[in-house]
N, C-alpha and C. Protein backbone atom coordinates (compact mmCIF):
# COMPACT_ATOMS: atom_id res chain seq x y z
N UNK A 1 -92.17 -11.15 111.12
CA UNK A 1 -91.73 -10.18 112.29
C UNK A 1 -93.06 -9.21 112.12
N UNK A 2 -93.21 -8.71 110.83
CA UNK A 2 -94.39 -7.85 110.24
C UNK A 2 -95.38 -7.88 110.89
N UNK A 3 -96.24 -9.51 111.00
CA UNK A 3 -97.11 -9.91 111.16
C UNK A 3 -97.25 -9.85 112.95
N UNK A 4 -96.60 -10.05 113.36
CA UNK A 4 -96.14 -9.81 115.04
C UNK A 4 -96.57 -8.37 115.32
N UNK A 5 -95.70 -7.43 114.70
CA UNK A 5 -95.65 -6.13 115.12
C UNK A 5 -97.26 -5.36 114.87
N UNK A 6 -97.94 -5.62 113.81
CA UNK A 6 -98.99 -5.60 113.22
C UNK A 6 -100.07 -5.93 114.07
N UNK A 7 -99.86 -7.46 114.54
CA UNK A 7 -100.43 -7.74 115.70
C UNK A 7 -100.84 -7.11 116.87
N UNK A 8 -99.18 -6.42 117.82
CA UNK A 8 -100.02 -5.66 118.68
C UNK A 8 -99.97 -4.20 118.80
N UNK A 9 -99.89 -3.89 117.24
CA UNK A 9 -100.05 -2.43 117.12
C UNK A 9 -100.98 -1.59 118.01
N UNK A 10 -102.34 -2.36 117.79
CA UNK A 10 -103.35 -1.49 118.68
C UNK A 10 -103.13 -1.92 119.97
N UNK A 11 -102.62 -2.60 120.73
CA UNK A 11 -102.75 -2.73 121.78
C UNK A 11 -101.73 -1.99 122.48
N UNK A 12 -100.65 -1.49 121.78
CA UNK A 12 -99.30 -0.72 122.34
C UNK A 12 -99.70 0.89 121.93
N UNK A 13 -100.32 0.76 121.14
CA UNK A 13 -100.94 2.13 120.39
C UNK A 13 -100.68 3.21 121.47
N UNK A 14 -100.94 3.24 122.71
CA UNK A 14 -101.06 4.66 123.60
C UNK A 14 -99.68 4.60 124.47
N UNK A 15 -98.71 3.60 124.20
CA UNK A 15 -97.16 3.62 124.33
C UNK A 15 -96.30 3.48 123.46
N UNK A 16 -96.52 3.17 122.28
CA UNK A 16 -95.31 3.19 121.27
C UNK A 16 -95.84 3.56 120.17
N UNK A 17 -94.99 3.62 119.08
CA UNK A 17 -95.48 3.76 117.80
C UNK A 17 -94.15 2.89 117.02
N UNK A 18 -94.99 2.05 115.55
CA UNK A 18 -94.09 1.08 115.10
C UNK A 18 -94.27 1.89 114.01
N UNK A 19 -92.89 1.59 113.52
CA UNK A 19 -92.24 2.08 111.70
C UNK A 19 -91.80 1.16 111.65
N UNK A 20 -92.10 0.87 110.16
CA UNK A 20 -91.09 -0.19 109.06
C UNK A 20 -90.41 0.70 108.24
N UNK A 21 -89.28 0.36 107.94
CA UNK A 21 -88.43 0.98 107.28
C UNK A 21 -87.73 -0.15 106.19
N UNK A 22 -87.92 -0.01 105.02
CA UNK A 22 -87.47 -0.74 103.73
C UNK A 22 -85.94 0.10 103.91
N UNK A 23 -84.89 -0.92 104.24
CA UNK A 23 -83.52 -0.43 104.32
C UNK A 23 -82.96 -0.27 102.67
N UNK A 24 -83.76 -1.11 102.08
CA UNK A 24 -83.14 -0.55 100.20
C UNK A 24 -83.42 0.56 99.94
N UNK A 25 -84.89 0.99 100.57
CA UNK A 25 -85.00 2.44 99.85
C UNK A 25 -84.70 3.62 100.90
N UNK A 26 -84.12 3.25 102.13
CA UNK A 26 -83.62 3.99 102.91
C UNK A 26 -82.07 3.79 103.26
N UNK A 27 -80.94 4.07 102.43
CA UNK A 27 -80.03 3.18 102.65
C UNK A 27 -79.11 3.63 103.75
N UNK A 28 -79.88 5.20 104.09
CA UNK A 28 -78.75 5.82 104.75
C UNK A 28 -78.92 5.08 106.32
N UNK A 29 -79.80 4.16 106.57
CA UNK A 29 -80.30 3.70 108.04
C UNK A 29 -79.22 2.51 108.21
N UNK A 30 -78.84 1.88 107.04
CA UNK A 30 -78.07 0.93 107.23
C UNK A 30 -76.68 1.37 107.87
N UNK A 31 -76.17 2.84 107.54
CA UNK A 31 -75.24 3.18 107.89
C UNK A 31 -75.09 4.08 109.32
N UNK A 32 -76.32 4.92 109.58
CA UNK A 32 -76.60 5.10 110.56
C UNK A 32 -76.44 4.39 111.84
N UNK A 33 -77.50 3.28 111.61
CA UNK A 33 -77.21 2.25 112.82
C UNK A 33 -76.72 0.97 112.39
N UNK A 34 -75.94 0.68 111.81
CA UNK A 34 -75.06 -0.22 111.38
C UNK A 34 -75.85 -1.61 111.42
N UNK A 35 -76.79 -1.58 110.50
CA UNK A 35 -77.63 -2.43 110.30
C UNK A 35 -77.20 -3.69 109.24
N UNK A 36 -77.03 -4.69 109.88
CA UNK A 36 -76.49 -5.87 108.84
C UNK A 36 -77.35 -6.92 108.61
N UNK A 37 -78.47 -7.14 109.43
CA UNK A 37 -79.43 -7.91 109.27
C UNK A 37 -80.30 -7.84 108.92
N UNK A 38 -81.24 -8.61 108.11
CA UNK A 38 -82.37 -8.38 107.05
C UNK A 38 -83.82 -7.94 107.95
N UNK A 39 -83.61 -8.29 109.43
CA UNK A 39 -84.85 -7.99 110.20
C UNK A 39 -83.99 -7.60 111.23
N UNK A 40 -84.31 -5.95 111.87
CA UNK A 40 -83.65 -5.37 113.01
C UNK A 40 -84.88 -4.69 113.59
N UNK A 41 -84.97 -4.80 115.01
CA UNK A 41 -85.77 -4.35 115.72
C UNK A 41 -85.09 -3.16 116.80
N UNK A 42 -85.32 -1.82 116.21
CA UNK A 42 -84.36 -0.75 117.22
C UNK A 42 -85.61 -0.37 117.69
N UNK A 43 -84.79 0.21 119.60
CA UNK A 43 -85.91 1.04 120.16
C UNK A 43 -85.37 2.36 120.49
N UNK A 44 -86.28 3.24 120.34
CA UNK A 44 -86.20 4.54 120.37
C UNK A 44 -86.55 5.60 121.93
N UNK A 45 -86.03 6.19 122.51
CA UNK A 45 -86.45 6.94 123.59
C UNK A 45 -86.19 8.43 123.25
N UNK A 46 -86.95 9.37 123.25
CA UNK A 46 -86.80 10.78 123.05
C UNK A 46 -86.15 10.85 122.15
N UNK A 47 -86.06 10.50 120.84
CA UNK A 47 -85.51 10.52 119.51
C UNK A 47 -83.97 9.94 119.63
N UNK A 48 -83.72 8.92 120.49
CA UNK A 48 -82.09 8.73 120.37
C UNK A 48 -82.24 6.79 120.43
N UNK A 49 -81.55 6.37 120.27
CA UNK A 49 -81.90 4.63 119.93
C UNK A 49 -81.17 4.53 121.08
N UNK A 50 -81.91 3.20 121.77
CA UNK A 50 -81.24 2.67 123.09
C UNK A 50 -81.03 1.35 123.16
N UNK A 51 -79.99 0.74 124.06
CA UNK A 51 -79.87 -0.51 123.87
C UNK A 51 -80.74 -1.19 124.98
N UNK A 52 -80.99 -2.60 124.75
CA UNK A 52 -82.03 -3.24 125.82
C UNK A 52 -81.28 -4.27 125.95
N UNK A 53 -81.41 -4.77 127.17
CA UNK A 53 -80.86 -6.20 127.22
C UNK A 53 -82.03 -7.33 127.46
N UNK A 54 -82.23 -8.27 126.50
CA UNK A 54 -82.93 -8.91 126.56
C UNK A 54 -82.60 -10.42 126.98
N UNK A 55 -81.60 -10.37 128.06
CA UNK A 55 -80.75 -11.68 128.25
C UNK A 55 -80.05 -12.79 127.29
N UNK A 56 -79.85 -13.84 127.73
CA UNK A 56 -79.30 -14.79 126.82
C UNK A 56 -80.07 -15.49 125.73
N UNK A 57 -81.46 -15.74 125.99
CA UNK A 57 -82.32 -16.57 125.36
C UNK A 57 -81.88 -17.72 125.58
N UNK A 58 -81.48 -18.23 126.76
CA UNK A 58 -81.35 -19.71 127.18
C UNK A 58 -82.53 -20.07 127.85
């Protein structure tokens, strides 16, 4: 996941910012955003996290 995000960072720099957070260093993230998976992508708009529908993946 890190490599994919790093690969697109330059392309999307005018539209989005990518932050990587080590949840072991910032445990409040786990509680605040209810993180259970080791790799999670969260989208924010105007300082609020948003839910997006990516379909069923089938």
